[in-house]
Amino acid sequence: MASWTLTVIVLLSIFMARSQTRGDQDTASQKNKDSAIKQLTDFKERTFIPGSNVTLQCGNGTDIKWNELIYILWNISLQGRNCWLGLSPKLDDTCKDGKRLLNTSDGVYLVIPRISTEDEGFYSCDLSHKAGSYAVNVSVSVPQLSTQLDSDINQRIAVCRANYTQKTAPTLHWEPALNFSSNVISVEKHGRFTVESRVYLPDNVTISELTCVATYSDESGSVQHKSTLNLNQSLSNGTQENDFSPLLITAISVGSVCFILVSLAMVYILSRKLSDLSVLKKLCCKSKISTAAEDKPPQPADVEEVEPYASYIQRVNSIYNSSAELFNA
């Protein structure tokens, strides 16, 4: 009995050891697969400020032997068009918009001079060298930032509006810092996002400029975009517009009402004129008809209807025949 129990314990120990070993091997194999996939394809999201010069690198300069490079190809999908450019004896540049490849000792870079919203899109790089291959997909976003001065019932409002396409919304703040009432709203329209900051300015504000700062975060860090609002200049233009807009609306309303009333009056007058003309026309026509009837000459008396020549001849012939028959008798 003791030997049988010992045998069972040994078998269970062996089974548990093998199960643990197999689980470790499966975990290690899955990690190796994930690592290999990550090495083969890399996905990135980058945000750039309009007007800046941008460089994108395909591959890590320390992992790739650039003297053993076979080819490198950038496929670029922009808004409404696709193009490509690369390094190889048989590859051409089809973008023709200033983008170029910069070959240096530490790698090959894609250069985008003075980037704008027209350069937004997806940039895919395929790289091949003697030791293997590498691919990277980069989503490039070029957000827009604008400021303006609005008003609502004689209340000045500083507005900062940022457009973006990435998943993470930018953070907005004003410089210098303001401790006034404010709110932030976000709107999505046609796949693009807008975040807006509105600060309600009191009448005793003495500063002449406000700067809105938008901070965008991506894998490479954070990027700041600034836009300055001139309160004095914008306020004069905005105040004029807001002062005249109620008067303009009132004038347009009164003018519209007057136009409608005049039009109705003209229609009424024309209808009265047409009805008077129709009455006169009827009277005129009746008088003409009566005058024509009076001026018509009297018709002569009825004349005996003249018989046709054939019936006359027939009647004469019948009389003649009757006389001849009497004579012969």
Protein backbone atom coordinates (compact mmCIF):
# COMPACT_ATOMS: atom_id res chain seq x y z
CA MET A 1 0.00 0.00 0.00
CA ALA A 2 2.83 2.38 0.82
CA SER A 3 4.63 1.64 -2.45
CA TRP A 4 1.44 2.29 -4.43
CA THR A 5 0.93 5.61 -2.70
CA LEU A 6 4.56 6.59 -3.40
CA THR A 7 4.13 5.72 -7.07
CA VAL A 8 1.04 7.93 -7.36
CA ILE A 9 2.85 10.86 -5.74
CA VAL A 10 5.81 10.52 -8.14
CA LEU A 11 3.54 10.42 -11.21
CA LEU A 12 1.63 13.48 -10.06
CA SER A 13 4.88 15.36 -9.51
CA ILE A 14 6.08 14.51 -13.03
CA PHE A 15 2.74 15.58 -14.56
CA MET A 16 2.77 18.91 -12.72
CA ALA A 17 6.35 19.60 -13.76
CA ARG A 18 5.60 18.94 -17.41
CA SER A 19 2.47 21.14 -17.33
CA GLN A 20 4.44 24.01 -15.82
CA THR A 21 7.21 23.59 -18.39
CA ARG A 22 4.73 23.55 -21.28
CA GLY A 23 2.99 26.66 -19.96
CA ASP A 24 6.29 28.53 -19.70
CA GLN A 25 7.18 27.50 -23.25
CA ASP A 26 3.82 28.70 -24.59
CA THR A 27 4.18 32.03 -22.79
CA ALA A 28 7.70 32.50 -24.10
CA SER A 29 6.58 31.59 -27.64
CA GLN A 30 3.72 34.12 -27.52
CA LYS A 31 6.07 36.83 -26.24
CA ASN A 32 8.51 36.08 -29.05
CA LYS A 33 5.71 36.33 -31.63
CA ASP A 34 4.52 39.65 -30.21
CA SER A 35 8.08 40.95 -30.20
CA ALA A 36 8.59 39.84 -33.79
CA ILE A 37 5.37 41.53 -34.91
CA LYS A 38 6.38 44.72 -33.13
CA GLN A 39 9.77 44.63 -34.79
CA LEU A 40 8.25 44.13 -38.25
CA THR A 41 5.59 46.85 -38.10
CA ASP A 42 5.50 50.01 -36.01
CA PHE A 43 2.50 52.35 -35.68
CA LYS A 44 2.88 56.00 -34.69
CA GLU A 45 0.83 59.17 -34.37
CA ARG A 46 2.59 62.50 -34.84
CA THR A 47 1.33 66.07 -34.51
CA PHE A 48 3.14 68.99 -36.14
CA ILE A 49 2.66 72.75 -36.07
CA PRO A 50 1.81 74.36 -39.44
CA GLY A 51 4.83 75.94 -41.13
CA SER A 52 7.45 73.77 -39.41
CA ASN A 53 9.99 71.59 -41.24
CA VAL A 54 9.32 67.92 -40.48
CA THR A 55 11.53 64.82 -40.74
CA LEU A 56 10.23 61.25 -40.51
CA GLN A 57 12.59 58.30 -40.05
CA CYS A 58 11.93 54.78 -41.23
CA GLY A 59 13.61 52.35 -38.85
CA ASN A 60 15.95 52.71 -35.90
CA GLY A 61 19.36 53.99 -36.85
CA THR A 62 21.10 51.68 -34.34
CA ASP A 63 19.38 48.46 -35.51
CA ILE A 64 19.81 48.82 -39.28
CA LYS A 65 23.07 48.70 -41.22
CA TRP A 66 22.46 51.45 -43.73
CA ASN A 67 25.38 50.38 -45.92
CA GLU A 68 23.48 47.11 -46.48
CA LEU A 69 20.26 48.87 -47.53
CA ILE A 70 18.45 47.28 -50.49
CA TYR A 71 15.59 49.72 -50.88
CA ILE A 72 13.38 52.12 -48.91
CA LEU A 73 9.91 53.17 -50.08
CA TRP A 74 7.48 55.72 -48.63
CA ASN A 75 3.81 55.29 -49.65
CA ILE A 76 1.93 58.48 -48.82
CA SER A 77 -1.88 58.72 -48.68
CA LEU A 78 -3.00 62.36 -48.54
CA GLN A 79 -6.37 64.05 -48.85
CA GLY A 80 -7.60 63.10 -52.30
CA ARG A 81 -4.34 61.77 -53.74
CA ASN A 82 -1.62 59.15 -53.25
CA CYS A 83 2.06 59.27 -54.11
CA TRP A 84 5.34 57.57 -53.28
CA LEU A 85 9.07 58.18 -53.28
CA GLY A 86 12.02 56.00 -52.33
CA LEU A 87 15.64 55.02 -52.73
CA SER A 88 16.23 52.39 -55.39
CA PRO A 89 17.52 52.41 -58.96
CA LYS A 90 13.97 51.96 -60.32
CA LEU A 91 11.92 54.14 -57.92
CA ASP A 92 10.76 57.61 -58.88
CA ASP A 93 9.33 60.56 -56.97
CA THR A 94 5.62 60.89 -57.80
CA CYS A 95 4.71 63.42 -55.09
CA LYS A 96 6.31 66.45 -56.79
CA ASP A 97 5.38 68.76 -53.88
CA GLY A 98 8.71 69.37 -52.18
CA LYS A 99 8.96 66.17 -50.16
CA ARG A 100 12.36 64.49 -50.45
CA LEU A 101 14.56 61.82 -48.90
CA LEU A 102 17.64 62.80 -46.94
CA ASN A 103 20.34 60.11 -46.80
CA THR A 104 22.68 60.52 -43.83
CA SER A 105 25.14 58.32 -42.01
CA ASP A 106 22.61 57.50 -39.27
CA GLY A 107 19.64 56.79 -41.54
CA VAL A 108 17.34 57.90 -44.33
CA TYR A 109 14.80 60.61 -43.47
CA LEU A 110 11.69 61.84 -45.22
CA VAL A 111 11.72 65.66 -45.23
CA ILE A 112 8.45 67.64 -45.41
CA PRO A 113 9.24 71.37 -45.74
CA ARG A 114 6.80 73.86 -44.20
CA ILE A 115 4.13 71.31 -43.41
CA SER A 116 0.47 72.32 -43.80
CA THR A 117 -2.98 70.75 -43.61
CA GLU A 118 -2.52 69.52 -47.20
CA ASP A 119 0.21 67.19 -45.87
CA GLU A 120 -2.12 65.49 -43.38
CA GLY A 121 -2.52 61.77 -43.98
CA PHE A 122 -0.89 58.37 -43.57
CA TYR A 123 2.78 57.75 -44.29
CA SER A 124 3.83 54.09 -44.71
CA CYS A 125 7.48 53.14 -45.04
CA ASP A 126 8.84 49.79 -46.25
CA LEU A 127 12.53 49.19 -45.70
CA SER A 128 14.59 46.19 -46.77
CA HIS A 129 18.23 45.39 -46.01
CA LYS A 130 20.37 42.30 -46.03
CA ALA A 131 19.61 41.42 -42.41
CA GLY A 132 15.81 41.73 -42.70
CA SER A 133 13.02 44.25 -43.25
CA TYR A 134 11.14 46.92 -41.37
CA ALA A 135 7.85 48.81 -41.79
CA VAL A 136 6.37 51.84 -40.08
CA ASN A 137 2.97 53.53 -40.40
CA VAL A 138 2.78 57.15 -39.27
CA SER A 139 -0.46 59.13 -38.94
CA VAL A 140 0.44 62.79 -39.47
CA SER A 141 -1.85 65.51 -38.11
CA VAL A 142 -1.51 69.27 -38.67
CA PRO A 143 -4.03 71.00 -36.35
CA GLN A 144 -5.34 74.53 -36.80
CA LEU A 145 -5.58 77.13 -34.04
CA SER A 146 -7.47 80.44 -34.23
CA THR A 147 -8.58 83.20 -31.87
CA GLN A 148 -11.26 85.89 -32.10
CA LEU A 149 -13.19 88.34 -29.95
CA ASP A 150 -16.96 87.92 -29.69
CA SER A 151 -19.62 89.65 -27.65
CA ASP A 152 -22.95 88.69 -26.13
CA ILE A 153 -25.22 91.36 -24.65
CA ASN A 154 -22.33 93.82 -24.23
CA GLN A 155 -20.15 91.08 -22.69
CA ARG A 156 -16.77 90.60 -24.38
CA ILE A 157 -15.74 86.98 -24.98
CA ALA A 158 -12.26 85.79 -25.94
CA VAL A 159 -12.59 82.65 -28.07
CA CYS A 160 -9.84 80.13 -28.84
CA ARG A 161 -10.67 77.31 -31.28
CA ALA A 162 -8.46 74.30 -32.08
CA ASN A 163 -9.16 71.71 -34.80
CA TYR A 164 -7.59 68.28 -34.61
CA THR A 165 -7.96 64.72 -35.97
CA GLN A 166 -6.11 62.66 -33.38
CA LYS A 167 -7.84 60.69 -30.66
CA THR A 168 -6.52 62.86 -27.82
CA ALA A 169 -7.92 66.38 -27.57
CA PRO A 170 -5.45 69.23 -26.97
CA THR A 171 -5.49 71.20 -23.76
CA LEU A 172 -6.13 74.94 -24.04
CA HIS A 173 -5.02 77.70 -21.71
CA TRP A 174 -4.54 81.46 -21.90
CA GLU A 175 -1.47 83.58 -21.25
CA PRO A 176 -1.40 85.58 -19.08
CA ALA A 177 -3.49 83.42 -16.79
CA LEU A 178 -7.02 84.71 -16.24
CA ASN A 179 -9.29 84.06 -13.27
CA PHE A 180 -12.46 84.90 -15.14
CA SER A 181 -15.51 82.85 -15.97
CA SER A 182 -14.82 80.42 -18.82
CA ASN A 183 -16.00 77.19 -20.40
CA VAL A 184 -14.62 74.57 -22.81
CA ILE A 185 -16.71 72.67 -25.37
CA SER A 186 -15.87 69.96 -27.92
CA VAL A 187 -17.61 69.30 -31.24
CA GLU A 188 -17.18 66.53 -33.83
CA LYS A 189 -18.04 67.14 -37.50
CA HIS A 190 -17.15 65.01 -40.54
CA GLY A 191 -14.42 63.11 -38.75
CA ARG A 192 -12.72 66.26 -37.44
CA PHE A 193 -12.82 67.47 -33.86
CA THR A 194 -12.96 71.00 -32.50
CA VAL A 195 -12.27 72.10 -28.95
CA GLU A 196 -13.16 75.66 -27.98
CA SER A 197 -12.31 77.77 -24.96
CA ARG A 198 -14.44 80.86 -24.20
CA VAL A 199 -13.40 83.41 -21.56
CA TYR A 200 -15.86 86.12 -20.49
CA LEU A 201 -13.96 89.38 -20.06
CA PRO A 202 -15.15 92.09 -17.63
CA ASP A 203 -15.12 95.75 -18.63
CA ASN A 204 -12.19 96.62 -16.37
CA VAL A 205 -9.64 94.42 -18.20
CA THR A 206 -6.63 96.56 -19.10
CA ILE A 207 -4.44 94.05 -20.96
CA SER A 208 -4.14 94.56 -24.71
CA GLU A 209 -3.24 91.02 -25.81
CA LEU A 210 -4.16 87.45 -24.96
CA THR A 211 -2.32 84.36 -26.15
CA CYS A 212 -4.07 81.02 -26.50
CA VAL A 213 -1.79 77.99 -26.08
CA ALA A 214 -2.85 74.56 -27.37
CA THR A 215 -0.81 71.59 -26.14
CA TYR A 216 -0.92 68.39 -28.22
CA SER A 217 0.45 65.11 -26.86
CA ASP A 218 1.70 62.17 -28.92
CA GLU A 219 4.23 59.35 -28.63
CA SER A 220 7.19 61.64 -29.19
CA GLY A 221 6.15 64.09 -26.46
CA SER A 222 4.11 67.27 -26.46
CA VAL A 223 3.80 70.07 -29.01
CA GLN A 224 2.54 73.57 -28.31
CA HIS A 225 0.76 75.84 -30.77
CA LYS A 226 0.12 79.52 -29.96
CA SER A 227 -2.22 82.19 -31.33
CA THR A 228 -2.30 85.82 -30.14
CA LEU A 229 -5.48 87.88 -29.87
CA ASN A 230 -5.22 91.68 -30.02
CA LEU A 231 -8.01 92.92 -27.74
CA ASN A 232 -7.87 96.57 -28.79
CA GLN A 233 -8.08 96.07 -32.52
CA SER A 234 -10.53 93.19 -32.39
CA LEU A 235 -12.65 94.96 -29.81
CA SER A 236 -13.11 98.05 -31.99
CA ASN A 237 -14.16 95.98 -34.99
CA GLY A 238 -16.33 93.67 -32.93
CA THR A 239 -17.99 96.55 -31.07
CA GLN A 240 -18.92 98.29 -34.30
CA GLU A 241 -20.35 95.14 -35.72
CA ASN A 242 -22.32 94.40 -32.56
CA ASP A 243 -23.59 97.99 -32.27
CA PHE A 244 -24.84 98.09 -35.83
CA SER A 245 -26.14 94.58 -36.07
CA PRO A 246 -29.41 95.25 -34.12
CA LEU A 247 -30.04 98.40 -36.16
CA LEU A 248 -29.32 96.50 -39.34
CA ILE A 249 -31.67 93.71 -38.35
CA THR A 250 -34.41 96.23 -37.46
CA ALA A 251 -33.95 98.09 -40.75
CA ILE A 252 -34.14 94.87 -42.74
CA SER A 253 -37.29 93.81 -40.89
CA VAL A 254 -39.04 97.17 -41.39
CA GLY A 255 -38.00 97.27 -45.05
CA SER A 256 -39.34 93.78 -45.63
CA VAL A 257 -42.69 94.62 -44.05
CA CYS A 258 -42.97 97.83 -46.10
CA PHE A 259 -42.12 95.97 -49.29
CA ILE A 260 -44.80 93.38 -48.60
CA LEU A 261 -47.43 96.07 -47.85
CA VAL A 262 -46.59 98.04 -51.00
CA SER A 263 -46.73 94.88 -53.08
CA LEU A 264 -50.16 93.98 -51.70
CA ALA A 265 -51.41 97.53 -52.34
CA MET A 266 -50.17 97.41 -55.94
CA VAL A 267 -51.85 94.06 -56.49
CA TYR A 268 -55.12 95.43 -55.08
CA ILE A 269 -54.98 98.56 -57.25
CA LEU A 270 -54.21 96.56 -60.38
CA SER A 271 -57.05 94.17 -59.68
CA ARG A 272 -59.45 97.14 -59.28
CA LYS A 273 -58.19 98.67 -62.54
CA LEU A 274 -58.64 95.40 -64.38
CA SER A 275 -62.19 94.99 -63.05
CA ASP A 276 -63.08 98.56 -64.16
CA LEU A 277 -61.63 97.90 -67.59
CA SER A 278 -63.64 94.71 -67.94
CA VAL A 279 -66.90 96.59 -67.10
CA LEU A 280 -66.11 99.35 -69.61
CA LYS A 281 -65.29 96.75 -72.22
CA LYS A 282 -68.66 95.06 -71.73
CA LEU A 283 -70.55 98.37 -71.98
CA CYS A 284 -68.63 99.40 -75.07
CA CYS A 285 -69.27 96.10 -76.82
CA LYS A 286 -73.02 96.22 -75.97
CA SER A 287 -73.36 99.73 -77.41
CA LYS A 288 -71.58 98.72 -80.60
CA ILE A 289 -73.88 95.74 -81.05
CA SER A 290 -77.03 97.91 -80.62
CA THR A 291 -75.74 100.55 -83.07
CA ALA A 292 -74.98 97.92 -85.66
CA ALA A 293 -78.48 96.54 -85.34
CA GLU A 294 -80.04 99.98 -85.90
CA ASP A 295 -77.88 100.83 -88.92
CA LYS A 296 -78.72 97.57 -90.71
CA PRO A 297 -80.90 98.29 -93.87
CA PRO A 298 -84.37 96.68 -94.08
CA GLN A 299 -84.55 93.39 -95.93
CA PRO A 300 -86.71 93.22 -99.11
CA ALA A 301 -89.95 91.23 -99.16
CA ASP A 302 -89.77 87.59 -99.77
CA VAL A 303 -89.72 86.78 -103.50
CA GLU A 304 -91.39 83.68 -104.83
CA GLU A 305 -88.96 80.95 -104.97
CA VAL A 306 -87.94 80.29 -108.57
CA GLU A 307 -88.26 76.73 -109.53
CA PRO A 308 -85.39 74.97 -111.13
CA TYR A 309 -85.26 74.84 -114.88
CA ALA A 310 -85.68 71.09 -115.02
CA SER A 311 -88.95 71.11 -113.08
CA TYR A 312 -90.25 73.96 -115.31
CA ILE A 313 -89.52 72.05 -118.47
CA GLN A 314 -91.20 68.99 -117.02
CA ARG A 315 -94.33 70.97 -116.19
CA VAL A 316 -94.47 72.59 -119.65
CA ASN A 317 -94.02 69.22 -121.27
CA SER A 318 -96.91 67.78 -119.31
CA ILE A 319 -99.26 70.58 -120.47
CA TYR A 320 -98.10 70.13 -124.04
CA ASN A 321 -98.71 66.45 -123.90
CA SER A 322 -102.23 66.94 -122.53
CA SER A 323 -103.12 69.34 -125.41
CA ALA A 324 -101.79 66.94 -128.01
CA GLU A 325 -103.80 64.05 -126.66
CA LEU A 326 -107.02 66.18 -126.72
CA PHE A 327 -106.39 67.23 -130.32
CA ASN A 328 -105.85 63.73 -131.50
CA ALA A 329 -109.07 62.62 -129.90
